[in-house]
Amino acid sequence: VDPKGEAHGLLSNADGTPSGLPIIAFG
């Protein structure tokens, strides 16, 4: 539960490539 919108960083690696983590982001 992310009130500041920072958790979308989990979707990508430091180099900008997709992280491949099994998570769906809403918002």
PDB file of all heavy atoms in Angstrom:
ATOM      1  N   VAL A   1       0.881  -1.168   0.000  1.00  0.00           N
ATOM      2  CA  VAL A   1       0.000   0.000   0.000  1.00  0.00           C
ATOM      3  C   VAL A   1       0.919   1.218   0.000  1.00  0.00           C
ATOM      4  O   VAL A   1       1.633   1.478   0.969  1.00  0.00           O
ATOM      5  CB  VAL A   1      -0.933  -0.006   1.222  1.00  0.00           C
ATOM      6  CG1 VAL A   1      -1.853   1.208   1.200  1.00  0.00           C
ATOM      7  CG2 VAL A   1      -1.757  -1.312   1.254  1.00  0.00           C
ATOM      8  N   ASP A   2       0.892   1.950  -1.118  1.00  0.00           N
ATOM      9  CA  ASP A   2       1.938   2.928  -1.428  1.00  0.00           C
ATOM     10  C   ASP A   2       1.361   4.332  -1.613  1.00  0.00           C
ATOM     11  O   ASP A   2       0.969   4.698  -2.715  1.00  0.00           O
ATOM     12  CB  ASP A   2       2.646   2.466  -2.706  1.00  0.00           C
ATOM     13  CG  ASP A   2       3.734   3.407  -3.173  1.00  0.00           C
ATOM     14  OD1 ASP A   2       4.241   4.184  -2.343  1.00  0.00           O
ATOM     15  OD2 ASP A   2       4.076   3.355  -4.363  1.00  0.00           O
ATOM     16  N   PRO A   3       1.307   5.139  -0.559  1.00  0.00           N
ATOM     17  CA  PRO A   3       0.705   6.472  -0.677  1.00  0.00           C
ATOM     18  C   PRO A   3       1.560   7.492  -1.410  1.00  0.00           C
ATOM     19  O   PRO A   3       1.057   8.537  -1.816  1.00  0.00           O
ATOM     20  CB  PRO A   3       0.492   6.887   0.779  1.00  0.00           C
ATOM     21  CG  PRO A   3       1.536   6.151   1.539  1.00  0.00           C
ATOM     22  CD  PRO A   3       1.711   4.841   0.820  1.00  0.00           C
ATOM     23  N   LYS A   4       2.852   7.226  -1.612  1.00  0.00           N
ATOM     24  CA  LYS A   4       3.731   8.203  -2.268  1.00  0.00           C
ATOM     25  C   LYS A   4       4.115   7.821  -3.696  1.00  0.00           C
ATOM     26  O   LYS A   4       4.802   8.560  -4.385  1.00  0.00           O
ATOM     27  CB  LYS A   4       5.002   8.391  -1.427  1.00  0.00           C
ATOM     28  CG  LYS A   4       4.732   9.107  -0.112  1.00  0.00           C
ATOM     29  CD  LYS A   4       5.898   9.057   0.837  1.00  0.00           C
ATOM     30  CE  LYS A   4       7.180   9.609   0.263  1.00  0.00           C
ATOM     31  NZ  LYS A   4       8.282   9.606   1.254  1.00  0.00           N
ATOM     32  N   GLY A   5       3.685   6.660  -4.154  1.00  0.00           N
ATOM     33  CA  GLY A   5       3.953   6.255  -5.524  1.00  0.00           C
ATOM     34  C   GLY A   5       5.392   5.883  -5.797  1.00  0.00           C
ATOM     35  O   GLY A   5       5.863   6.004  -6.926  1.00  0.00           O
ATOM     36  N   GLU A   6       6.107   5.389  -4.787  1.00  0.00           N
ATOM     37  CA  GLU A   6       7.517   5.061  -4.960  1.00  0.00           C
ATOM     38  C   GLU A   6       7.777   3.588  -5.241  1.00  0.00           C
ATOM     39  O   GLU A   6       8.852   3.221  -5.709  1.00  0.00           O
ATOM     40  CB  GLU A   6       8.308   5.493  -3.720  1.00  0.00           C
ATOM     41  CG  GLU A   6       8.297   6.999  -3.512  1.00  0.00           C
ATOM     42  CD  GLU A   6       9.019   7.428  -2.250  1.00  0.00           C
ATOM     43  OE1 GLU A   6       9.304   6.552  -1.398  1.00  0.00           O
ATOM     44  OE2 GLU A   6       9.295   8.629  -2.109  1.00  0.00           O
ATOM     45  N   ALA A   7       6.791   2.738  -4.975  1.00  0.00           N
ATOM     46  CA  ALA A   7       7.010   1.294  -5.109  1.00  0.00           C
ATOM     47  C   ALA A   7       7.116   0.839  -6.558  1.00  0.00           C
ATOM     48  O   ALA A   7       7.567  -0.277  -6.815  1.00  0.00           O
ATOM     49  CB  ALA A   7       5.897   0.520  -4.404  1.00  0.00           C
ATOM     50  N   HIS A   8       6.724   1.694  -7.513  1.00  0.00           N
ATOM     51  CA  HIS A   8       6.836   1.278  -8.914  1.00  0.00           C
ATOM     52  C   HIS A   8       8.294   1.043  -9.312  1.00  0.00           C
ATOM     53  O   HIS A   8       8.577   0.427 -10.337  1.00  0.00           O
ATOM     54  CB  HIS A   8       6.175   2.297  -9.855  1.00  0.00           C
ATOM     55  CG  HIS A   8       6.922   3.588  -9.982  1.00  0.00           C
ATOM     56  ND1 HIS A   8       6.715   4.632  -9.120  1.00  0.00           N
ATOM     57  CD2 HIS A   8       7.892   3.985 -10.847  1.00  0.00           C
ATOM     58  CE1 HIS A   8       7.518   5.632  -9.462  1.00  0.00           C
ATOM     59  NE2 HIS A   8       8.237   5.268 -10.493  1.00  0.00           N
ATOM     60  N   GLY A   9       9.232   1.512  -8.472  1.00  0.00           N
ATOM     61  CA  GLY A   9      10.640   1.241  -8.711  1.00  0.00           C
ATOM     62  C   GLY A   9      10.956  -0.252  -8.705  1.00  0.00           C
ATOM     63  O   GLY A   9      11.963  -0.675  -9.269  1.00  0.00           O
ATOM     64  N   LEU A  10      10.091  -1.055  -8.082  1.00  0.00           N
ATOM     65  CA  LEU A  10      10.287  -2.500  -8.073  1.00  0.00           C
ATOM     66  C   LEU A  10      10.134  -3.108  -9.465  1.00  0.00           C
ATOM     67  O   LEU A  10      10.565  -4.241  -9.703  1.00  0.00           O
ATOM     68  CB  LEU A  10       9.269  -3.170  -7.134  1.00  0.00           C
ATOM     69  CG  LEU A  10       9.491  -2.974  -5.638  1.00  0.00           C
ATOM     70  CD1 LEU A  10       8.245  -3.349  -4.866  1.00  0.00           C
ATOM     71  CD2 LEU A  10      10.686  -3.804  -5.175  1.00  0.00           C
ATOM     72  N   LEU A  11       9.529  -2.366 -10.380  1.00  0.00           N
ATOM     73  CA  LEU A  11       9.250  -2.902 -11.706  1.00  0.00           C
ATOM     74  C   LEU A  11      10.465  -2.896 -12.621  1.00  0.00           C
ATOM     75  O   LEU A  11      10.456  -3.539 -13.668  1.00  0.00           O
ATOM     76  CB  LEU A  11       8.107  -2.119 -12.368  1.00  0.00           C
ATOM     77  CG  LEU A  11       6.799  -2.033 -11.576  1.00  0.00           C
ATOM     78  CD1 LEU A  11       5.772  -1.228 -12.346  1.00  0.00           C
ATOM     79  CD2 LEU A  11       6.279  -3.420 -11.238  1.00  0.00           C
ATOM     80  N   SER A  12      11.511  -2.145 -12.244  1.00  0.00           N
ATOM     81  CA  SER A  12      12.683  -2.070 -13.118  1.00  0.00           C
ATOM     82  C   SER A  12      13.971  -2.151 -12.308  1.00  0.00           C
ATOM     83  O   SER A  12      14.009  -1.833 -11.124  1.00  0.00           O
ATOM     84  CB  SER A  12      12.658  -0.774 -13.935  1.00  0.00           C
ATOM     85  OG  SER A  12      12.615   0.349 -13.085  1.00  0.00           O
ATOM     86  N   ASN A  13      15.031  -2.578 -12.981  1.00  0.00           N
ATOM     87  CA  ASN A  13      16.362  -2.630 -12.392  1.00  0.00           C
ATOM     88  C   ASN A  13      17.007  -1.248 -12.459  1.00  0.00           C
ATOM     89  O   ASN A  13      16.472  -0.329 -13.084  1.00  0.00           O
ATOM     90  CB  ASN A  13      17.229  -3.648 -13.143  1.00  0.00           C
ATOM     91  CG  ASN A  13      16.685  -5.048 -13.028  1.00  0.00           C
ATOM     92  OD1 ASN A  13      16.329  -5.502 -11.947  1.00  0.00           O
ATOM     93  ND2 ASN A  13      16.613  -5.749 -14.162  1.00  0.00           N
ATOM     94  N   ALA A  14      18.172  -1.111 -11.840  1.00  0.00           N
ATOM     95  CA  ALA A  14      18.873   0.176 -11.821  1.00  0.00           C
ATOM     96  C   ALA A  14      19.199   0.679 -13.224  1.00  0.00           C
ATOM     97  O   ALA A  14      19.234   1.888 -13.465  1.00  0.00           O
ATOM     98  CB  ALA A  14      20.158   0.063 -10.995  1.00  0.00           C
ATOM     99  N   ASP A  15      19.389  -0.245 -14.176  1.00  0.00           N
ATOM    100  CA  ASP A  15      19.716   0.172 -15.545  1.00  0.00           C
ATOM    101  C   ASP A  15      18.488   0.417 -16.411  1.00  0.00           C
ATOM    102  O   ASP A  15      18.603   0.661 -17.612  1.00  0.00           O
ATOM    103  CB  ASP A  15      20.628  -0.865 -16.214  1.00  0.00           C
ATOM    104  CG  ASP A  15      19.957  -2.238 -16.346  1.00  0.00           C
ATOM    105  OD1 ASP A  15      18.769  -2.371 -15.968  1.00  0.00           O
ATOM    106  OD2 ASP A  15      20.623  -3.174 -16.827  1.00  0.00           O
ATOM    107  N   GLY A  16      17.294   0.342 -15.795  1.00  0.00           N
ATOM    108  CA  GLY A  16      16.063   0.622 -16.527  1.00  0.00           C
ATOM    109  C   GLY A  16      15.411  -0.586 -17.166  1.00  0.00           C
ATOM    110  O   GLY A  16      14.296  -0.492 -17.688  1.00  0.00           O
ATOM    111  N   THR A  17      16.075  -1.726 -17.135  1.00  0.00           N
ATOM    112  CA  THR A  17      15.477  -2.931 -17.709  1.00  0.00           C
ATOM    113  C   THR A  17      14.418  -3.486 -16.747  1.00  0.00           C
ATOM    114  O   THR A  17      14.485  -3.248 -15.538  1.00  0.00           O
ATOM    115  CB  THR A  17      16.553  -4.007 -17.962  1.00  0.00           C
ATOM    116  OG1 THR A  17      17.206  -4.301 -16.713  1.00  0.00           O
ATOM    117  CG2 THR A  17      17.567  -3.517 -18.983  1.00  0.00           C
ATOM    118  N   PRO A  18      13.431  -4.220 -17.264  1.00  0.00           N
ATOM    119  CA  PRO A  18      12.394  -4.786 -16.391  1.00  0.00           C
ATOM    120  C   PRO A  18      12.987  -5.715 -15.339  1.00  0.00           C
ATOM    121  O   PRO A  18      13.884  -6.509 -15.635  1.00  0.00           O
ATOM    122  CB  PRO A  18      11.490  -5.551 -17.365  1.00  0.00           C
ATOM    123  CG  PRO A  18      11.738  -4.929 -18.695  1.00  0.00           C
ATOM    124  CD  PRO A  18      13.184  -4.508 -18.679  1.00  0.00           C
ATOM    125  N   SER A  19      12.490  -5.600 -14.126  1.00  0.00           N
ATOM    126  CA  SER A  19      13.009  -6.429 -13.034  1.00  0.00           C
ATOM    127  C   SER A  19      12.546  -7.874 -13.135  1.00  0.00           C
ATOM    128  O   SER A  19      13.214  -8.778 -12.636  1.00  0.00           O
ATOM    129  CB  SER A  19      12.563  -5.857 -11.684  1.00  0.00           C
ATOM    130  OG  SER A  19      11.148  -5.989 -11.540  1.00  0.00           O
ATOM    131  N   GLY A  20      11.407  -8.076 -13.750  1.00  0.00           N
ATOM    132  CA  GLY A  20      10.868  -9.427 -13.849  1.00  0.00           C
ATOM    133  C   GLY A  20      10.257  -9.937 -12.559  1.00  0.00           C
ATOM    134  O   GLY A  20       9.879 -11.110 -12.473  1.00  0.00           O
ATOM    135  N   LEU A  21      10.144  -9.076 -11.550  1.00  0.00           N
ATOM    136  CA  LEU A  21       9.537  -9.506 -10.289  1.00  0.00           C
ATOM    137  C   LEU A  21       8.042  -9.779 -10.515  1.00  0.00           C
ATOM    138  O   LEU A  21       7.370  -9.040 -11.241  1.00  0.00           O
ATOM    139  CB  LEU A  21       9.719  -8.437  -9.215  1.00  0.00           C
ATOM    140  CG  LEU A  21      11.146  -8.237  -8.716  1.00  0.00           C
ATOM    141  CD1 LEU A  21      11.226  -7.016  -7.800  1.00  0.00           C
ATOM    142  CD2 LEU A  21      11.651  -9.479  -7.982  1.00  0.00           C
ATOM    143  N   PRO A  22       7.504 -10.816  -9.883  1.00  0.00           N
ATOM    144  CA  PRO A  22       6.111 -11.201 -10.100  1.00  0.00           C
ATOM    145  C   PRO A  22       5.135 -10.329  -9.309  1.00  0.00           C
ATOM    146  O   PRO A  22       4.552 -10.759  -8.310  1.00  0.00           O
ATOM    147  CB  PRO A  22       6.084 -12.661  -9.629  1.00  0.00           C
ATOM    148  CG  PRO A  22       7.118 -12.695  -8.542  1.00  0.00           C
ATOM    149  CD  PRO A  22       8.205 -11.749  -8.978  1.00  0.00           C
ATOM    150  N   ILE A  23       4.955  -9.099  -9.755  1.00  0.00           N
ATOM    151  CA  ILE A  23       4.079  -8.167  -9.055  1.00  0.00           C
ATOM    152  C   ILE A  23       3.372  -7.286 -10.073  1.00  0.00           C
ATOM    153  O   ILE A  23       3.954  -6.912 -11.097  1.00  0.00           O
ATOM    154  CB  ILE A  23       4.884  -7.324  -8.035  1.00  0.00           C
ATOM    155  CG1 ILE A  23       3.954  -6.581  -7.080  1.00  0.00           C
ATOM    156  CG2 ILE A  23       5.875  -6.395  -8.714  1.00  0.00           C
ATOM    157  CD1 ILE A  23       4.641  -6.058  -5.820  1.00  0.00           C
ATOM    158  N   ILE A  24       2.098  -7.005  -9.822  1.00  0.00           N
ATOM    159  CA  ILE A  24       1.308  -6.142 -10.705  1.00  0.00           C
ATOM    160  C   ILE A  24       1.060  -4.821  -9.984  1.00  0.00           C
ATOM    161  O   ILE A  24       0.607  -4.808  -8.833  1.00  0.00           O
ATOM    162  CB  ILE A  24      -0.028  -6.789 -11.080  1.00  0.00           C
ATOM    163  CG1 ILE A  24       0.200  -8.079 -11.881  1.00  0.00           C
ATOM    164  CG2 ILE A  24      -0.892  -5.826 -11.892  1.00  0.00           C
ATOM    165  CD1 ILE A  24      -1.065  -8.834 -12.208  1.00  0.00           C
ATOM    166  N   ALA A  25       1.347  -3.722 -10.673  1.00  0.00           N
ATOM    167  CA  ALA A  25       1.176  -2.386 -10.090  1.00  0.00           C
ATOM    168  C   ALA A  25      -0.094  -1.733 -10.622  1.00  0.00           C
ATOM    169  O   ALA A  25      -0.316  -1.688 -11.830  1.00  0.00           O
ATOM    170  CB  ALA A  25       2.381  -1.521 -10.407  1.00  0.00           C
ATOM    171  N   PHE A  26      -0.898  -1.218  -9.704  1.00  0.00           N
ATOM    172  CA  PHE A  26      -2.093  -0.461 -10.035  1.00  0.00           C
ATOM    173  C   PHE A  26      -1.858   1.000  -9.684  1.00  0.00           C
ATOM    174  O   PHE A  26      -1.313   1.309  -8.630  1.00  0.00           O
ATOM    175  CB  PHE A  26      -3.307  -0.979  -9.247  1.00  0.00           C
ATOM    176  CG  PHE A  26      -3.795  -2.323  -9.706  1.00  0.00           C
ATOM    177  CD1 PHE A  26      -3.175  -3.486  -9.270  1.00  0.00           C
ATOM    178  CD2 PHE A  26      -4.871  -2.426 -10.577  1.00  0.00           C
ATOM    179  CE1 PHE A  26      -3.623  -4.726  -9.687  1.00  0.00           C
ATOM    180  CE2 PHE A  26      -5.326  -3.668 -10.993  1.00  0.00           C
ATOM    181  CZ  PHE A  26      -4.700  -4.822 -10.554  1.00  0.00           C
ATOM    182  N   GLY A  27      -2.298   1.901 -10.545  1.00  0.00           N
ATOM    183  CA  GLY A  27      -2.137   3.328 -10.319  1.00  0.00           C
ATOM    184  C   GLY A  27      -1.106   3.915 -11.254  1.00  0.00           C
ATOM    185  O   GLY A  27      -0.553   3.210 -12.113  1.00  0.00           O
TER     186      GLY A  27
END
